[in-house]
Protein backbone atom coordinates (compact mmCIF):
# COMPACT_ATOMS: atom_id res chain seq x y z
CA MET A 1 0.00 0.00 0.00
CA THR A 2 1.31 3.40 -1.00
CA VAL A 3 0.60 5.93 1.72
CA LYS A 4 -1.38 8.98 0.67
CA THR A 5 -2.30 11.86 2.96
CA ARG A 6 -3.88 15.25 2.46
CA PHE A 7 -4.27 18.67 3.95
CA ALA A 8 -7.68 20.13 3.21
CA PRO A 9 -8.11 23.71 4.47
CA SER A 10 -11.02 26.01 3.72
CA PRO A 11 -9.97 29.38 2.23
CA THR A 12 -12.03 31.36 4.71
CA GLY A 13 -9.13 32.73 6.75
CA ASP A 14 -5.39 32.53 7.26
CA LEU A 15 -3.43 29.32 7.76
CA HIS A 16 -3.43 29.19 11.56
CA ILE A 17 -1.19 27.31 13.97
CA GLY A 18 -3.54 24.35 14.39
CA GLY A 19 -3.95 23.93 10.65
CA ALA A 20 -0.23 24.24 10.07
CA ARG A 21 0.47 21.51 12.62
CA THR A 22 -2.08 19.21 10.95
CA ALA A 23 -0.45 19.89 7.58
CA LEU A 24 2.97 19.14 9.07
CA TYR A 25 1.88 15.83 10.59
CA SER A 26 0.26 14.78 7.29
CA TRP A 27 3.31 15.88 5.31
CA LEU A 28 5.72 14.09 7.64
CA HIS A 29 3.78 10.82 7.52
CA ALA A 30 3.68 10.85 3.72
CA ARG A 31 7.35 11.75 3.39
CA LYS A 32 8.48 9.23 6.01
CA GLU A 33 6.57 6.41 4.28
CA GLY A 34 7.63 7.39 0.77
CA GLY A 35 4.04 8.30 -0.05
CA THR A 36 2.11 11.17 -1.58
CA PHE A 37 0.95 14.39 0.05
CA LEU A 38 -1.99 16.19 -1.54
CA LEU A 39 -3.38 19.70 -1.03
CA ARG A 40 -7.14 20.02 -1.38
CA ILE A 41 -8.96 23.34 -1.06
CA GLU A 42 -12.44 22.91 0.43
CA ASP A 43 -13.99 26.03 -1.05
CA THR A 44 -17.66 25.06 -1.34
CA ASP A 45 -18.61 27.92 0.99
CA ARG A 46 -18.43 30.49 -1.78
CA GLU A 47 -19.64 33.38 0.35
CA ARG A 48 -16.81 33.05 2.87
CA SER A 49 -14.04 31.74 0.59
CA THR A 50 -11.64 34.42 -0.63
CA GLN A 51 -8.61 34.62 -2.88
CA ALA A 52 -6.72 36.40 -0.09
CA SER A 53 -7.26 33.44 2.23
CA LEU A 54 -6.17 30.99 -0.46
CA ASP A 55 -3.03 33.04 -1.08
CA ALA A 56 -2.29 33.10 2.66
CA ILE A 57 -2.62 29.31 2.87
CA LEU A 58 -0.34 28.70 -0.10
CA GLU A 59 2.17 31.29 1.08
CA GLY A 60 2.19 29.83 4.59
CA MET A 61 2.81 26.30 3.38
CA ALA A 62 5.58 27.47 1.07
CA TRP A 63 7.24 29.42 3.90
CA LEU A 64 7.15 26.36 6.15
CA GLY A 65 8.55 24.18 3.38
CA LEU A 66 5.50 21.90 3.20
CA ASP A 67 5.54 21.02 -0.48
CA TYR A 68 2.77 18.89 -1.99
CA ASP A 69 2.84 16.27 -4.73
CA GLU A 70 -0.71 16.81 -6.00
CA GLY A 71 -2.94 19.86 -6.03
CA PRO A 72 -4.16 22.26 -5.14
CA ILE A 73 -7.44 20.55 -6.03
CA PHE A 74 -10.55 22.71 -5.61
CA GLN A 75 -13.86 21.25 -4.53
CA THR A 76 -15.75 23.82 -6.59
CA ASP A 77 -14.33 22.11 -9.69
CA ARG A 78 -15.93 18.82 -8.67
CA PHE A 79 -19.64 19.61 -8.29
CA ASP A 80 -20.58 17.31 -11.17
CA ARG A 81 -18.82 14.43 -9.44
CA TYR A 82 -20.59 15.11 -6.15
CA ALA A 83 -23.97 15.19 -7.94
CA GLU A 84 -23.13 11.85 -9.54
CA VAL A 85 -22.39 10.24 -6.16
CA ILE A 86 -25.50 11.75 -4.56
CA GLN A 87 -27.59 10.20 -7.34
CA GLN A 88 -25.77 6.90 -6.81
CA LEU A 89 -26.78 6.95 -3.13
CA MET A 90 -30.37 7.81 -4.09
CA ASP A 91 -30.51 4.95 -6.58
CA SER A 92 -29.14 2.45 -4.07
CA GLY A 93 -31.61 3.48 -1.38
CA HIS A 94 -28.92 4.99 0.86
CA ALA A 95 -30.34 8.51 0.50
CA TYR A 96 -33.78 10.11 0.27
CA TYR A 97 -35.56 13.42 -0.19
CA CYS A 98 -36.54 15.33 2.92
CA TYR A 99 -39.30 17.93 2.63
CA CYS A 100 -39.30 19.11 6.24
CA SER A 101 -39.49 22.87 6.64
CA ARG A 102 -37.28 24.87 8.98
CA GLU A 103 -40.26 25.42 11.26
CA GLU A 104 -41.02 21.70 11.35
CA LEU A 105 -37.42 20.85 12.24
CA ASP A 106 -37.33 23.52 14.96
CA ALA A 107 -40.52 22.18 16.50
CA MET A 108 -39.09 18.67 16.40
CA ARG A 109 -35.99 19.75 18.31
CA GLU A 110 -37.96 21.75 20.87
CA LYS A 111 -40.09 18.72 21.63
CA GLN A 112 -36.98 16.56 22.02
CA TRP A 113 -35.40 19.10 24.36
CA ALA A 114 -38.60 19.18 26.42
CA ASN A 115 -38.52 15.38 26.68
CA LYS A 116 -34.82 15.51 27.63
CA GLU A 117 -33.92 13.67 24.46
CA LYS A 118 -30.87 14.26 22.26
CA PRO A 119 -31.92 16.58 19.41
CA ARG A 120 -31.76 14.64 16.15
CA TYR A 121 -33.69 14.24 12.94
CA ASP A 122 -36.34 11.59 13.53
CA GLY A 123 -36.39 10.21 9.99
CA ARG A 124 -39.99 11.17 9.27
CA CYS A 125 -39.31 11.55 5.55
CA ARG A 126 -37.52 8.21 5.21
CA HIS A 127 -40.53 6.41 3.83
CA ARG A 128 -42.23 9.30 2.05
CA THR A 129 -42.95 8.32 -1.54
CA GLU A 130 -44.76 11.39 -2.82
CA PRO A 131 -43.14 14.81 -3.27
CA VAL A 132 -44.53 17.86 -1.49
CA ALA A 133 -45.80 20.46 -3.91
CA GLY A 134 -43.92 23.75 -3.90
CA VAL A 135 -41.09 22.49 -1.66
CA GLU A 136 -37.51 22.03 -2.83
CA PRO A 137 -36.25 19.10 -0.76
CA VAL A 138 -32.86 18.45 0.73
CA ILE A 139 -31.29 15.01 0.41
CA ARG A 140 -30.42 13.03 3.52
CA PHE A 141 -28.17 10.01 3.93
CA ARG A 142 -30.01 7.01 5.34
CA ASN A 143 -27.83 6.16 8.32
CA PRO A 144 -27.88 2.53 9.51
CA ASP A 145 -30.35 1.91 12.36
CA GLU A 146 -28.30 -0.71 14.14
CA GLY A 147 -24.73 -1.69 14.91
CA ASP A 148 -21.65 0.26 15.86
CA VAL A 149 -19.17 2.35 13.95
CA VAL A 150 -15.63 1.61 15.08
CA ILE A 151 -13.03 4.28 14.39
CA LYS A 152 -9.61 2.70 14.59
CA ASP A 153 -7.88 5.91 15.51
CA LEU A 154 -4.08 5.90 15.36
CA VAL A 155 -3.86 8.57 18.07
CA LYS A 156 -6.79 7.95 20.39
CA GLY A 157 -7.26 4.20 19.95
CA ASP A 158 -10.57 2.56 19.04
CA ILE A 159 -13.60 4.83 19.29
CA VAL A 160 -16.99 3.11 19.19
CA ILE A 161 -20.21 4.95 18.31
CA ASN A 162 -23.60 3.28 18.17
CA ASN A 163 -25.52 4.11 15.01
CA ARG A 164 -28.55 5.03 17.09
CA GLU A 165 -26.58 8.08 18.21
CA LEU A 166 -26.41 9.29 14.61
CA ASP A 167 -29.25 10.80 12.62
CA ASP A 168 -29.73 11.09 8.88
CA LEU A 169 -27.51 13.98 7.91
CA VAL A 170 -28.14 16.27 4.97
CA ILE A 171 -25.79 15.53 2.06
CA ALA A 172 -27.32 17.96 -0.46
CA ARG A 173 -29.03 21.29 0.19
CA SER A 174 -32.30 22.30 -1.42
CA ASP A 175 -30.38 24.14 -4.15
CA GLY A 176 -28.52 20.93 -4.98
CA THR A 177 -25.15 21.95 -3.54
CA PRO A 178 -23.38 19.19 -1.59
CA THR A 179 -22.54 19.47 2.10
CA TYR A 180 -19.16 19.02 3.76
CA ASN A 181 -19.64 15.44 4.92
CA LEU A 182 -20.50 14.33 1.39
CA THR A 183 -17.76 16.19 -0.45
CA VAL A 184 -14.98 15.12 1.91
CA VAL A 185 -15.99 11.46 1.57
CA VAL A 186 -16.12 11.58 -2.22
CA ASP A 187 -12.79 13.36 -2.38
CA ASP A 188 -11.04 11.00 0.02
CA ILE A 189 -12.31 8.00 -1.96
CA ASP A 190 -11.53 9.40 -5.42
CA MET A 191 -8.12 10.70 -4.36
CA GLY A 192 -7.11 7.42 -2.76
CA MET A 193 -6.49 8.64 0.77
CA THR A 194 -4.99 5.94 2.98
CA HIS A 195 -4.63 8.13 6.07
CA VAL A 196 -6.89 10.99 7.15
CA ILE A 197 -5.01 13.14 9.66
CA ARG A 198 -6.99 16.03 11.10
CA GLY A 199 -8.03 17.81 14.28
CA ASP A 200 -10.10 15.97 16.85
CA ASP A 201 -12.89 18.51 16.37
CA HIS A 202 -13.78 16.28 13.39
CA ILE A 203 -14.38 13.14 15.47
CA ASN A 204 -18.16 13.68 15.40
CA ASN A 205 -18.04 13.73 11.60
CA THR A 206 -15.97 10.59 11.25
CA PRO A 207 -18.59 7.88 12.02
CA ARG A 208 -21.00 9.56 9.61
CA GLN A 209 -18.34 9.66 6.92
CA ILE A 210 -17.42 6.02 7.50
CA ASN A 211 -21.07 5.02 7.02
CA ILE A 212 -21.22 6.92 3.72
CA MET A 213 -17.98 5.27 2.59
CA GLU A 214 -19.38 1.83 3.41
CA ALA A 215 -22.58 2.63 1.52
CA LEU A 216 -20.40 3.41 -1.49
CA GLY A 217 -18.40 0.20 -1.06
CA ALA A 218 -15.16 2.09 -0.44
CA THR A 219 -12.12 1.08 1.56
CA ILE A 220 -12.04 2.92 4.89
CA PRO A 221 -8.82 4.93 5.42
CA ALA A 222 -6.92 5.01 8.68
CA PHE A 223 -7.80 7.97 10.87
CA ALA A 224 -5.59 10.02 13.17
CA HIS A 225 -7.38 12.74 15.11
CA VAL A 226 -4.83 15.09 16.65
CA PRO A 227 -5.72 16.98 19.84
CA MET A 228 -6.52 20.66 19.92
CA ILE A 229 -4.04 23.36 20.91
CA LEU A 230 -4.81 25.39 24.02
CA GLY A 231 -3.84 28.87 25.10
CA ASP A 232 -2.02 29.40 28.38
CA ASP A 233 -5.39 29.78 30.13
CA GLY A 234 -6.39 26.22 29.24
CA LYS A 235 -8.95 27.29 26.64
CA ARG A 236 -8.82 26.53 22.94
CA LEU A 237 -6.23 28.66 21.16
CA SER A 238 -7.88 31.64 19.50
CA LYS A 239 -7.24 35.21 18.44
CA ARG A 240 -7.68 36.43 21.99
CA HIS A 241 -4.52 34.48 22.87
CA GLY A 242 -2.69 36.29 20.11
CA ALA A 243 -3.09 33.31 17.80
CA VAL A 244 -2.99 34.55 14.24
CA GLY A 245 -2.03 33.26 10.83
CA VAL A 246 1.26 31.49 10.28
CA MET A 247 2.57 34.38 8.21
CA HIS A 248 2.36 36.57 11.30
CA TYR A 249 5.28 34.58 12.65
CA ARG A 250 7.27 35.28 9.51
CA ASP A 251 6.46 38.97 9.82
CA ALA A 252 7.48 38.89 13.50
CA GLY A 253 10.90 37.51 12.58
CA TYR A 254 10.66 33.81 13.35
CA LEU A 255 12.67 31.31 11.35
CA PRO A 256 10.46 28.74 9.56
CA GLU A 257 12.71 25.92 10.76
CA ALA A 258 12.05 27.01 14.36
CA VAL A 259 8.30 27.22 13.80
CA ILE A 260 8.25 23.73 12.23
CA ASN A 261 10.24 22.34 15.16
CA TYR A 262 7.91 24.00 17.63
CA LEU A 263 4.82 22.74 15.81
CA ILE A 264 5.94 19.11 15.81
CA ARG A 265 6.57 19.31 19.55
CA LEU A 266 2.99 20.54 20.15
CA GLY A 267 1.67 17.05 20.79
CA TRP A 268 4.57 14.80 19.75
CA SER A 269 7.82 13.93 21.48
CA HIS A 270 10.85 11.69 21.18
CA GLY A 271 12.40 11.22 24.58
CA ASP A 272 13.64 14.47 26.08
CA GLN A 273 14.91 15.90 22.79
CA GLU A 274 13.64 19.39 21.98
CA VAL A 275 15.47 20.46 18.82
CA PHE A 276 15.19 18.28 15.72
CA THR A 277 16.65 18.55 12.26
CA MET A 278 14.25 17.72 9.45
CA GLU A 279 16.13 14.46 8.95
CA GLU A 280 15.50 13.57 12.59
CA MET A 281 11.82 14.46 12.33
CA LEU A 282 11.44 12.15 9.35
CA LYS A 283 13.35 9.41 11.14
CA TYR A 284 11.52 9.49 14.47
CA PHE A 285 8.01 10.74 13.70
CA LYS A 286 5.15 8.26 14.17
CA LEU A 287 1.44 8.99 14.25
CA SER A 288 1.09 6.55 17.14
CA ASP A 289 3.44 8.71 19.23
CA ILE A 290 1.18 11.76 19.06
CA ASN A 291 -0.16 12.55 22.50
CA GLY A 292 -3.91 12.20 22.76
CA ALA A 293 -4.18 15.09 25.21
CA ALA A 294 -4.36 18.74 24.21
CA SER A 295 -1.15 20.78 24.02
CA THR A 296 -0.56 24.31 25.30
CA PHE A 297 0.90 26.97 23.04
CA ASN A 298 3.73 28.80 24.79
CA THR A 299 5.19 31.85 23.06
CA GLU A 300 8.24 31.90 25.34
CA LYS A 301 9.06 28.34 24.28
CA LEU A 302 8.73 29.35 20.64
CA ASN A 303 11.08 32.29 21.29
CA TRP A 304 13.58 29.91 22.87
CA MET A 305 13.33 27.59 19.88
CA ASN A 306 13.92 30.50 17.51
CA GLN A 307 17.12 31.41 19.34
CA GLN A 308 18.36 27.81 19.12
CA TYR A 309 17.99 27.92 15.35
CA PHE A 310 19.71 31.30 15.15
CA LYS A 311 22.69 29.67 16.82
CA SER A 312 22.72 26.48 14.77
CA LEU A 313 21.52 27.16 11.21
CA PRO A 314 24.11 27.87 8.52
CA ALA A 315 24.61 31.61 8.07
CA GLU A 316 23.67 31.24 4.41
CA THR A 317 20.26 29.83 5.38
CA ILE A 318 19.57 32.66 7.82
CA ALA A 319 20.68 35.18 5.19
CA GLY A 320 18.05 33.82 2.82
CA HIS A 321 15.32 34.36 5.41
CA LEU A 322 16.69 37.83 6.23
CA GLN A 323 16.29 39.16 2.69
CA TRP A 324 12.53 39.72 3.05
CA HIS A 325 12.98 41.63 6.32
CA ILE A 326 15.88 43.67 4.96
CA GLU A 327 13.79 44.79 2.00
CA LYS A 328 10.77 45.47 4.21
CA GLN A 329 12.81 47.68 6.56
CA GLY A 330 14.42 49.50 3.65
CA LEU A 331 18.00 48.61 4.55
CA ASP A 332 20.58 48.83 1.77
CA ILE A 333 23.10 46.06 2.45
CA SER A 334 25.14 46.74 -0.67
CA LYS A 335 27.29 49.24 1.25
CA GLY A 336 28.62 47.17 4.06
CA PRO A 337 30.07 43.84 5.12
CA SER A 338 28.96 40.42 3.99
CA LEU A 339 25.56 39.58 5.43
CA THR A 340 26.78 36.13 6.45
CA ASP A 341 29.67 37.73 8.35
CA VAL A 342 27.22 39.95 10.23
CA ILE A 343 25.11 36.88 11.04
CA GLU A 344 28.13 35.06 12.43
CA GLY A 345 28.93 38.09 14.57
CA GLN A 346 25.37 38.63 15.83
CA ARG A 347 23.77 35.17 15.91
CA ASP A 348 24.35 34.47 19.62
CA ARG A 349 22.43 37.57 20.69
CA ALA A 350 19.67 37.46 18.06
CA LYS A 351 16.07 36.89 19.15
CA ASN A 352 14.30 37.25 15.83
CA LEU A 353 14.91 38.48 12.30
CA VAL A 354 13.16 41.83 12.84
CA ASP A 355 15.36 42.71 15.81
CA PHE A 356 18.38 41.33 13.98
CA VAL A 357 17.93 43.73 11.08
CA GLU A 358 17.41 46.69 13.38
CA SER A 359 20.39 45.83 15.60
CA SER A 360 22.58 45.33 12.52
CA ARG A 361 21.67 48.57 10.79
CA TYR A 362 24.86 50.39 11.87
CA PHE A 363 26.95 47.91 9.89
CA PHE A 364 25.42 49.16 6.66
CA GLU A 365 24.46 52.78 7.20
CA ASP A 366 25.58 55.71 9.32
CA PHE A 367 23.54 57.01 12.24
CA ASP A 368 22.73 60.56 13.30
CA SER A 369 22.46 60.05 17.04
CA TYR A 370 23.58 57.80 19.87
CA ASP A 371 21.71 55.82 22.47
CA GLU A 372 20.69 58.65 24.80
CA LYS A 373 21.29 56.87 28.10
CA ALA A 374 24.63 55.46 26.97
CA GLN A 375 25.75 58.83 25.63
CA LYS A 376 25.20 60.53 28.99
CA LYS A 377 27.14 57.78 30.72
CA GLN A 378 30.05 57.31 28.31
CA PHE A 379 30.72 60.60 26.50
CA LYS A 380 32.32 62.56 29.33
CA ALA A 381 35.23 65.02 29.54
CA GLY A 382 38.53 63.35 28.71
CA VAL A 383 36.99 60.49 26.74
CA ASP A 384 37.65 62.37 23.52
CA ALA A 385 41.39 62.16 24.21
CA THR A 386 41.11 58.42 24.79
CA LEU A 387 39.23 57.95 21.54
CA GLN A 388 41.76 60.11 19.68
CA PHE A 389 44.61 57.94 20.97
CA ILE A 390 42.88 54.75 19.79
CA HIS A 391 41.93 56.40 16.49
CA ASP A 392 45.56 57.19 15.75
CA LYS A 393 46.64 53.64 16.58
CA LEU A 394 43.90 52.10 14.45
CA SER A 395 44.62 54.37 11.50
CA ALA A 396 48.21 53.15 11.49
CA LEU A 397 47.27 49.48 11.15
CA PRO A 398 48.72 47.91 8.01
CA GLU A 399 45.96 45.27 7.97
CA TRP A 400 42.35 45.53 9.15
CA ASN A 401 41.25 42.31 10.81
CA PRO A 402 39.90 41.23 14.23
CA GLU A 403 43.27 40.09 15.53
CA ALA A 404 45.04 43.35 14.68
CA ILE A 405 42.15 45.44 16.04
CA ASP A 406 42.07 43.49 19.29
CA ALA A 407 45.82 43.94 19.73
CA VAL A 408 45.55 47.73 19.25
CA ILE A 409 42.72 48.07 21.78
CA LYS A 410 44.56 46.04 24.42
CA ALA A 411 47.84 47.88 23.82
CA SER A 412 46.02 51.23 24.07
CA CYS A 413 44.54 50.24 27.43
CA GLU A 414 48.03 49.45 28.73
CA GLU A 415 49.60 52.65 27.40
CA LEU A 416 46.76 54.79 28.73
CA GLU A 417 46.74 52.82 31.99
CA LEU A 418 43.00 52.38 31.68
CA GLY A 419 40.94 49.26 32.13
CA MET A 420 38.82 47.89 29.30
CA GLY A 421 35.74 49.12 31.16
CA LYS A 422 36.92 52.71 30.56
CA VAL A 423 37.89 52.20 26.92
CA GLY A 424 35.49 49.63 25.48
CA PRO A 425 32.05 51.19 26.16
CA PRO A 426 32.77 54.66 24.71
CA LEU A 427 34.54 53.10 21.71
CA ARG A 428 31.60 50.80 21.06
CA LEU A 429 29.14 53.68 21.36
CA ALA A 430 31.22 55.79 18.99
CA VAL A 431 31.34 53.08 16.31
CA ALA A 432 27.94 51.39 16.73
CA GLY A 433 25.81 54.16 18.24
CA THR A 434 24.53 51.65 20.78
CA PRO A 435 25.94 50.03 23.94
CA MET A 436 25.18 46.57 22.52
CA SER A 437 27.20 44.93 19.77
CA PRO A 438 29.43 41.92 19.17
CA SER A 439 32.95 42.01 20.60
CA LEU A 440 34.84 45.19 19.68
CA ASP A 441 37.28 43.46 17.37
CA VAL A 442 34.41 41.87 15.44
CA THR A 443 32.33 45.07 15.44
CA LEU A 444 35.10 47.31 14.16
CA ASN A 445 36.20 44.76 11.59
CA LEU A 446 32.69 44.46 10.16
CA VAL A 447 32.07 48.22 10.18
CA GLY A 448 35.29 48.62 8.22
CA ARG A 449 38.34 50.87 8.49
CA GLU A 450 36.99 54.03 6.86
CA ARG A 451 33.65 54.01 8.65
CA THR A 452 35.21 53.16 12.00
CA LEU A 453 37.73 55.99 11.85
CA ALA A 454 35.12 58.48 10.60
CA ARG A 455 32.72 57.54 13.39
CA ILE A 456 35.40 57.89 16.04
CA GLU A 457 36.23 61.34 14.67
CA LYS A 458 32.55 62.28 14.82
CA ALA A 459 32.28 61.06 18.43
CA ILE A 460 35.36 63.09 19.39
CA ALA A 461 33.70 66.20 17.94
CA VAL A 462 30.43 65.46 19.76
CA ILE A 463 32.23 65.02 23.09
CA GLY A 464 34.19 68.21 22.49
CA GLY A 465 30.98 70.10 21.88
CA MET A 466 29.40 68.67 25.03
CA THR A 467 32.28 69.65 27.30
CA GLU A 468 32.98 73.16 25.99
């Protein structure tokens, strides 16, 4: 059996964290088993489906690296096929017309509530043979009256539902359009799905879908219902927890590798290991190892994961992700050091790509002012003479590299009989405009000889003006 999985979002909003995790689990299972991963767009809700949402889904999957082998396949292109299957179910006696009005259905439910019964359609149109004049009927699936539906769930174990708990669901509306539970069954059959991996909010749909599949004589796929994701208050993750589309995390400066790693750990584990390469994910991931309990989204943990990837990813990979942020923030990197060199110098202190670009700006462009608090503390009388001494030593260097720069700074401290605490901070502020930067030898080397000397000269003039 060749494994085939799918991700089937509705284009009615952004690709959110829960959907992205489901897509990841489906993608991983297909890739691990040498199978096929398909993208299906469930766009039958034409009023709510938008091109912007579709674009966000496709962009989010591309950013996360979740490529697909087939698709995107759109349900709106398959209405003729759904109509064909609905007619097949009608012809075989597995479906029937229902002429009940909205008022009739409401009254039925109210009576059931009053009798403390579970609200459900009572099947009153099951045996109707004559149409009702002036009424456009819906079509209902004739659910079995007896027996159990057994969901052999790869995450939660066997789930047994008695058919008496299920009513006859609508599979076609009065205008002829198919409903979700019909379209998803037809698609999963036609597209050869072997594994249906989705959120456990679909568990109530699954026994109904299995019954439709059996009525059509189809092979039942394996199911894996993954648990929901909770906010830190124990409630389902939503916008009020700050949960937004996946592309928000790109915009906020997260690395896609870190987001993928965090997503897989939201419900799956392999021992005590936290950080996984993609090769390790593919090696260790099993659907049966997904935890059946809900997971809690923790932004601090995601931030920690992002920092781990800043430290470990090749500089070239990080540079590729930085390009979008550099362009967005309008930074011209053509006049400065190699971006990969800046990454190597800054990676240990980086939190996200947005902050990285901002904290690296002085490598590529000059600044008009200094950190105000640091300026008051460091630019005091006499510091200009110290900076002038170091400037003269640096300008005499035959070669500009970290080793030579470090030697000059240390020698200057000895000659001036000053500790590094008196020399380093004002020099860093003069060259970087901020009290935070990589080590001085790395900072000055990346800024370059001409810029470094010019900035020291500017700082000397500023200090002179302050102390006059």
